[in-house]
Amino acid sequence: MKIENRKKSVTRLLFIKRRWRDAILSGEKTIELRDAKRYSSTSIGDEFLLNGRERIRVIGIKKVYPVEILANRELMRASGFRDAEDASRTFADCGIDENSVLVAFWVAVLNGK
């Protein structure tokens, strides 16, 4: 009999601006972007509490570069950006440059909001 050593999913706090929180809860934003170094241990099935309240679950993960987001309209929209200018401005405000490695989390809302 084979026994799998599966990592137990974890729940962490995720603090985000109201704009992004509302977009996630409405289903408009299905991807959350984060610094790959800090979030490298995140796995499918892990959960986040948005600002300590609403619960979301990671249902997909991919490492990406900002240029990939800017070049892919569907990925940009799923990340909550209105257009490339909005994405570029947000990246600059967060200190993200073209060499930054990000992790894209596809998320699902769990509280029914």
N, C-alpha and C. Protein backbone atom coordinates (compact mmCIF):
# COMPACT_ATOMS: atom_id res chain seq x y z
N MET A 1 0.84 -1.17 0.00
CA MET A 1 0.00 0.00 0.00
C MET A 1 0.89 1.25 0.00
N LYS A 2 0.58 2.17 -0.90
CA LYS A 2 1.33 3.41 -1.00
C LYS A 2 0.66 4.48 -0.16
N ILE A 3 1.44 5.11 0.70
CA ILE A 3 0.93 6.20 1.54
C ILE A 3 1.54 7.49 1.05
N GLU A 4 0.68 8.43 0.70
CA GLU A 4 1.16 9.72 0.25
C GLU A 4 1.42 10.65 1.43
N ASN A 5 2.51 11.32 1.37
CA ASN A 5 2.83 12.31 2.38
C ASN A 5 2.37 13.66 1.85
N ARG A 6 1.13 14.03 2.11
CA ARG A 6 0.55 15.26 1.59
C ARG A 6 0.73 16.40 2.58
N LYS A 7 1.05 17.54 2.04
CA LYS A 7 1.17 18.74 2.84
C LYS A 7 -0.22 19.18 3.29
N LYS A 8 -0.36 19.46 4.55
CA LYS A 8 -1.64 19.96 5.07
C LYS A 8 -1.83 21.39 4.59
N SER A 9 -3.04 21.70 4.12
CA SER A 9 -3.29 23.07 3.67
C SER A 9 -3.26 24.01 4.87
N VAL A 10 -2.90 25.25 4.59
CA VAL A 10 -2.79 26.25 5.65
C VAL A 10 -3.71 27.43 5.35
N THR A 11 -4.02 28.18 6.39
CA THR A 11 -4.80 29.41 6.23
C THR A 11 -3.93 30.56 6.71
N ARG A 12 -3.81 31.58 5.86
CA ARG A 12 -3.01 32.75 6.20
C ARG A 12 -3.83 34.01 5.97
N LEU A 13 -3.41 35.07 6.62
CA LEU A 13 -4.02 36.38 6.40
C LEU A 13 -3.47 36.99 5.13
N LEU A 14 -4.31 37.66 4.38
CA LEU A 14 -3.90 38.36 3.19
C LEU A 14 -4.55 39.74 3.22
N PHE A 15 -3.73 40.76 3.40
CA PHE A 15 -4.25 42.12 3.46
C PHE A 15 -4.15 42.75 2.09
N ILE A 16 -5.29 43.21 1.58
CA ILE A 16 -5.35 43.81 0.25
C ILE A 16 -6.24 45.05 0.30
N LYS A 17 -6.03 45.92 -0.67
CA LYS A 17 -6.86 47.13 -0.77
C LYS A 17 -8.29 46.75 -1.09
N ARG A 18 -9.20 47.63 -0.70
CA ARG A 18 -10.63 47.39 -0.91
C ARG A 18 -10.96 47.12 -2.38
N ARG A 19 -10.32 47.85 -3.28
CA ARG A 19 -10.57 47.65 -4.72
C ARG A 19 -10.38 46.19 -5.12
N TRP A 20 -9.27 45.59 -4.67
CA TRP A 20 -8.95 44.20 -5.04
C TRP A 20 -9.85 43.22 -4.30
N ARG A 21 -10.13 43.50 -3.04
CA ARG A 21 -11.01 42.63 -2.25
C ARG A 21 -12.39 42.56 -2.88
N ASP A 22 -12.95 43.71 -3.21
CA ASP A 22 -14.28 43.76 -3.81
C ASP A 22 -14.31 43.03 -5.15
N ALA A 23 -13.24 43.17 -5.93
CA ALA A 23 -13.18 42.51 -7.23
C ALA A 23 -13.10 40.99 -7.08
N ILE A 24 -12.39 40.51 -6.07
CA ILE A 24 -12.32 39.07 -5.81
C ILE A 24 -13.69 38.56 -5.38
N LEU A 25 -14.32 39.26 -4.46
CA LEU A 25 -15.61 38.81 -3.94
C LEU A 25 -16.71 38.83 -5.00
N SER A 26 -16.61 39.75 -5.96
CA SER A 26 -17.61 39.82 -7.03
C SER A 26 -17.35 38.79 -8.13
N GLY A 27 -16.16 38.19 -8.12
CA GLY A 27 -15.79 37.22 -9.15
C GLY A 27 -15.11 37.86 -10.35
N GLU A 28 -14.98 39.18 -10.35
CA GLU A 28 -14.32 39.88 -11.44
C GLU A 28 -12.82 39.58 -11.46
N LYS A 29 -12.22 39.46 -10.28
CA LYS A 29 -10.79 39.18 -10.15
C LYS A 29 -10.64 37.74 -9.65
N THR A 30 -10.04 36.89 -10.47
CA THR A 30 -9.87 35.48 -10.09
C THR A 30 -8.42 35.11 -9.86
N ILE A 31 -7.53 36.07 -10.08
CA ILE A 31 -6.10 35.84 -9.87
C ILE A 31 -5.56 36.89 -8.91
N GLU A 32 -4.84 36.46 -7.90
CA GLU A 32 -4.15 37.36 -6.98
C GLU A 32 -2.66 37.21 -7.25
N LEU A 33 -1.97 38.34 -7.46
CA LEU A 33 -0.53 38.33 -7.72
C LEU A 33 0.23 38.69 -6.46
N ARG A 34 1.28 37.93 -6.21
CA ARG A 34 2.12 38.17 -5.03
C ARG A 34 3.58 37.92 -5.37
N ASP A 35 4.49 38.45 -4.53
CA ASP A 35 5.92 38.23 -4.68
C ASP A 35 6.21 36.73 -4.55
N ALA A 36 6.92 36.17 -5.52
CA ALA A 36 7.18 34.73 -5.54
C ALA A 36 8.06 34.27 -4.38
N LYS A 37 9.00 35.11 -3.95
CA LYS A 37 9.88 34.72 -2.84
C LYS A 37 9.08 34.52 -1.55
N ARG A 38 8.24 35.47 -1.26
CA ARG A 38 7.50 35.42 0.00
C ARG A 38 6.39 34.36 0.00
N TYR A 39 5.84 34.07 -1.15
CA TYR A 39 4.71 33.15 -1.23
C TYR A 39 5.06 31.83 -1.93
N SER A 40 6.34 31.49 -1.98
CA SER A 40 6.77 30.29 -2.69
C SER A 40 6.27 28.98 -2.08
N SER A 41 5.94 29.00 -0.80
CA SER A 41 5.48 27.77 -0.15
C SER A 41 3.97 27.57 -0.25
N THR A 42 3.27 28.51 -0.88
CA THR A 42 1.82 28.38 -1.03
C THR A 42 1.48 27.26 -1.99
N SER A 43 0.47 26.47 -1.66
CA SER A 43 0.07 25.32 -2.47
C SER A 43 -1.41 25.39 -2.82
N ILE A 44 -1.80 24.64 -3.84
CA ILE A 44 -3.21 24.50 -4.16
C ILE A 44 -3.90 23.91 -2.94
N GLY A 45 -5.04 24.48 -2.58
CA GLY A 45 -5.79 24.05 -1.40
C GLY A 45 -5.57 24.96 -0.19
N ASP A 46 -4.49 25.73 -0.20
CA ASP A 46 -4.27 26.68 0.90
C ASP A 46 -5.36 27.74 0.87
N GLU A 47 -5.63 28.31 2.03
CA GLU A 47 -6.67 29.33 2.13
C GLU A 47 -6.09 30.62 2.68
N PHE A 48 -6.71 31.72 2.28
CA PHE A 48 -6.36 33.04 2.78
C PHE A 48 -7.62 33.68 3.34
N LEU A 49 -7.45 34.44 4.41
CA LEU A 49 -8.52 35.30 4.92
C LEU A 49 -8.23 36.70 4.42
N LEU A 50 -9.11 37.22 3.58
CA LEU A 50 -8.93 38.57 3.04
C LEU A 50 -9.20 39.59 4.14
N ASN A 51 -8.17 40.31 4.51
CA ASN A 51 -8.27 41.32 5.56
C ASN A 51 -8.90 40.75 6.83
N GLY A 52 -8.66 39.47 7.07
CA GLY A 52 -9.14 38.81 8.28
C GLY A 52 -10.60 38.41 8.26
N ARG A 53 -11.26 38.49 7.09
CA ARG A 53 -12.70 38.23 7.04
C ARG A 53 -13.07 37.13 6.05
N GLU A 54 -13.15 37.48 4.79
CA GLU A 54 -13.63 36.53 3.78
C GLU A 54 -12.55 35.50 3.47
N ARG A 55 -13.00 34.27 3.28
CA ARG A 55 -12.10 33.15 3.03
C ARG A 55 -12.06 32.83 1.54
N ILE A 56 -10.82 32.70 1.02
CA ILE A 56 -10.64 32.26 -0.37
C ILE A 56 -9.69 31.06 -0.37
N ARG A 57 -9.81 30.24 -1.40
CA ARG A 57 -8.95 29.05 -1.53
C ARG A 57 -8.16 29.15 -2.83
N VAL A 58 -6.89 28.75 -2.75
CA VAL A 58 -6.04 28.71 -3.94
C VAL A 58 -6.41 27.47 -4.74
N ILE A 59 -6.79 27.68 -6.02
CA ILE A 59 -7.18 26.55 -6.86
C ILE A 59 -6.21 26.35 -8.04
N GLY A 60 -5.24 27.25 -8.17
CA GLY A 60 -4.22 27.13 -9.21
C GLY A 60 -3.07 28.06 -8.91
N ILE A 61 -1.89 27.71 -9.36
CA ILE A 61 -0.69 28.52 -9.08
C ILE A 61 0.21 28.49 -10.32
N LYS A 62 0.82 29.65 -10.61
CA LYS A 62 1.80 29.72 -11.69
C LYS A 62 2.74 30.89 -11.42
N LYS A 63 4.05 30.69 -11.61
CA LYS A 63 5.00 31.80 -11.52
C LYS A 63 4.94 32.57 -12.82
N VAL A 64 4.92 33.91 -12.70
CA VAL A 64 4.82 34.78 -13.88
C VAL A 64 5.72 35.99 -13.71
N TYR A 65 6.01 36.62 -14.83
CA TYR A 65 6.73 37.90 -14.85
C TYR A 65 5.73 38.99 -15.23
N PRO A 66 5.95 40.21 -14.78
CA PRO A 66 5.03 41.30 -15.13
C PRO A 66 4.78 41.44 -16.63
N VAL A 67 5.80 41.19 -17.46
CA VAL A 67 5.61 41.32 -18.90
C VAL A 67 4.60 40.30 -19.43
N GLU A 68 4.52 39.13 -18.79
CA GLU A 68 3.53 38.14 -19.19
C GLU A 68 2.11 38.65 -18.92
N ILE A 69 1.94 39.33 -17.79
CA ILE A 69 0.64 39.89 -17.45
C ILE A 69 0.26 40.97 -18.47
N LEU A 70 1.22 41.86 -18.75
CA LEU A 70 0.95 42.97 -19.66
C LEU A 70 0.68 42.50 -21.09
N ALA A 71 1.26 41.38 -21.48
CA ALA A 71 1.11 40.87 -22.85
C ALA A 71 -0.14 40.02 -23.05
N ASN A 72 -0.80 39.67 -21.96
CA ASN A 72 -1.94 38.76 -22.06
C ASN A 72 -3.18 39.45 -21.48
N ARG A 73 -4.06 39.92 -22.35
CA ARG A 73 -5.23 40.68 -21.91
C ARG A 73 -6.10 39.86 -20.95
N GLU A 74 -6.29 38.58 -21.23
CA GLU A 74 -7.12 37.74 -20.36
C GLU A 74 -6.52 37.61 -18.96
N LEU A 75 -5.20 37.40 -18.90
CA LEU A 75 -4.51 37.31 -17.61
C LEU A 75 -4.56 38.65 -16.88
N MET A 76 -4.43 39.74 -17.63
CA MET A 76 -4.49 41.07 -17.03
C MET A 76 -5.87 41.33 -16.41
N ARG A 77 -6.92 41.00 -17.15
CA ARG A 77 -8.29 41.20 -16.64
C ARG A 77 -8.58 40.31 -15.44
N ALA A 78 -8.16 39.05 -15.50
CA ALA A 78 -8.38 38.13 -14.38
C ALA A 78 -7.63 38.58 -13.13
N SER A 79 -6.56 39.36 -13.33
CA SER A 79 -5.80 39.90 -12.21
C SER A 79 -6.39 41.19 -11.67
N GLY A 80 -7.47 41.66 -12.31
CA GLY A 80 -8.19 42.82 -11.82
C GLY A 80 -7.80 44.15 -12.43
N PHE A 81 -6.90 44.13 -13.41
CA PHE A 81 -6.46 45.38 -14.02
C PHE A 81 -7.42 45.80 -15.13
N ARG A 82 -7.66 47.10 -15.22
CA ARG A 82 -8.55 47.63 -16.27
C ARG A 82 -7.88 47.58 -17.64
N ASP A 83 -6.56 47.87 -17.65
CA ASP A 83 -5.81 47.87 -18.90
C ASP A 83 -4.32 47.83 -18.56
N ALA A 84 -3.47 47.86 -19.59
CA ALA A 84 -2.02 47.77 -19.38
C ALA A 84 -1.48 48.95 -18.58
N GLU A 85 -2.07 50.12 -18.79
CA GLU A 85 -1.63 51.31 -18.03
C GLU A 85 -1.92 51.13 -16.54
N ASP A 86 -3.09 50.62 -16.22
CA ASP A 86 -3.46 50.35 -14.82
C ASP A 86 -2.50 49.33 -14.21
N ALA A 87 -2.19 48.27 -14.96
CA ALA A 87 -1.28 47.24 -14.46
C ALA A 87 0.12 47.82 -14.25
N SER A 88 0.62 48.57 -15.22
CA SER A 88 1.96 49.16 -15.11
C SER A 88 2.06 50.11 -13.93
N ARG A 89 1.03 50.93 -13.74
CA ARG A 89 1.01 51.89 -12.62
C ARG A 89 1.00 51.13 -11.29
N THR A 90 0.19 50.07 -11.20
CA THR A 90 0.11 49.29 -9.96
C THR A 90 1.44 48.61 -9.68
N PHE A 91 2.05 48.02 -10.72
CA PHE A 91 3.36 47.38 -10.53
C PHE A 91 4.38 48.41 -10.02
N ALA A 92 4.42 49.59 -10.62
CA ALA A 92 5.37 50.63 -10.20
C ALA A 92 5.12 51.05 -8.75
N ASP A 93 3.84 51.22 -8.38
CA ASP A 93 3.49 51.60 -7.01
C ASP A 93 3.94 50.56 -5.99
N CYS A 94 3.98 49.30 -6.42
CA CYS A 94 4.36 48.20 -5.52
C CYS A 94 5.84 47.84 -5.61
N GLY A 95 6.59 48.59 -6.40
CA GLY A 95 8.02 48.33 -6.54
C GLY A 95 8.33 47.09 -7.37
N ILE A 96 7.41 46.73 -8.25
CA ILE A 96 7.60 45.56 -9.10
C ILE A 96 8.15 46.03 -10.44
N ASP A 97 9.30 45.46 -10.85
CA ASP A 97 9.86 45.82 -12.15
C ASP A 97 9.79 44.62 -13.09
N GLU A 98 10.32 44.79 -14.30
CA GLU A 98 10.19 43.73 -15.32
C GLU A 98 10.92 42.44 -14.95
N ASN A 99 11.88 42.51 -14.03
CA ASN A 99 12.63 41.32 -13.61
C ASN A 99 12.04 40.65 -12.37
N SER A 100 11.02 41.24 -11.81
CA SER A 100 10.39 40.65 -10.62
C SER A 100 9.71 39.33 -10.99
N VAL A 101 9.78 38.38 -10.08
CA VAL A 101 9.07 37.12 -10.28
C VAL A 101 7.86 37.15 -9.36
N LEU A 102 6.70 36.92 -9.94
CA LEU A 102 5.45 36.92 -9.17
C LEU A 102 4.87 35.52 -9.18
N VAL A 103 4.00 35.29 -8.23
CA VAL A 103 3.22 34.06 -8.26
C VAL A 103 1.77 34.47 -8.44
N ALA A 104 1.11 33.82 -9.40
CA ALA A 104 -0.30 34.08 -9.67
C ALA A 104 -1.10 32.97 -9.01
N PHE A 105 -2.01 33.34 -8.11
CA PHE A 105 -2.90 32.39 -7.46
C PHE A 105 -4.28 32.51 -8.08
N TRP A 106 -4.79 31.44 -8.66
CA TRP A 106 -6.19 31.42 -9.06
C TRP A 106 -6.96 31.11 -7.79
N VAL A 107 -7.98 31.91 -7.49
CA VAL A 107 -8.68 31.78 -6.22
C VAL A 107 -10.17 31.59 -6.39
N ALA A 108 -10.76 30.96 -5.40
CA ALA A 108 -12.21 30.78 -5.32
C ALA A 108 -12.68 31.28 -3.97
N VAL A 109 -13.76 32.02 -3.95
CA VAL A 109 -14.34 32.55 -2.71
C VAL A 109 -15.10 31.42 -2.01
N LEU A 110 -14.90 31.28 -0.70
CA LEU A 110 -15.53 30.19 0.05
C LEU A 110 -16.72 30.61 0.86
N ASN A 111 -16.87 31.89 1.20
CA ASN A 111 -17.97 32.33 2.07
C ASN A 111 -19.27 32.56 1.34
N GLY A 112 -19.33 32.33 0.07
CA GLY A 112 -20.55 32.58 -0.66
C GLY A 112 -20.82 34.05 -0.90
N LYS A 113 -19.84 34.91 -0.79
CA LYS A 113 -20.04 36.34 -1.02
C LYS A 113 -19.82 36.66 -2.47
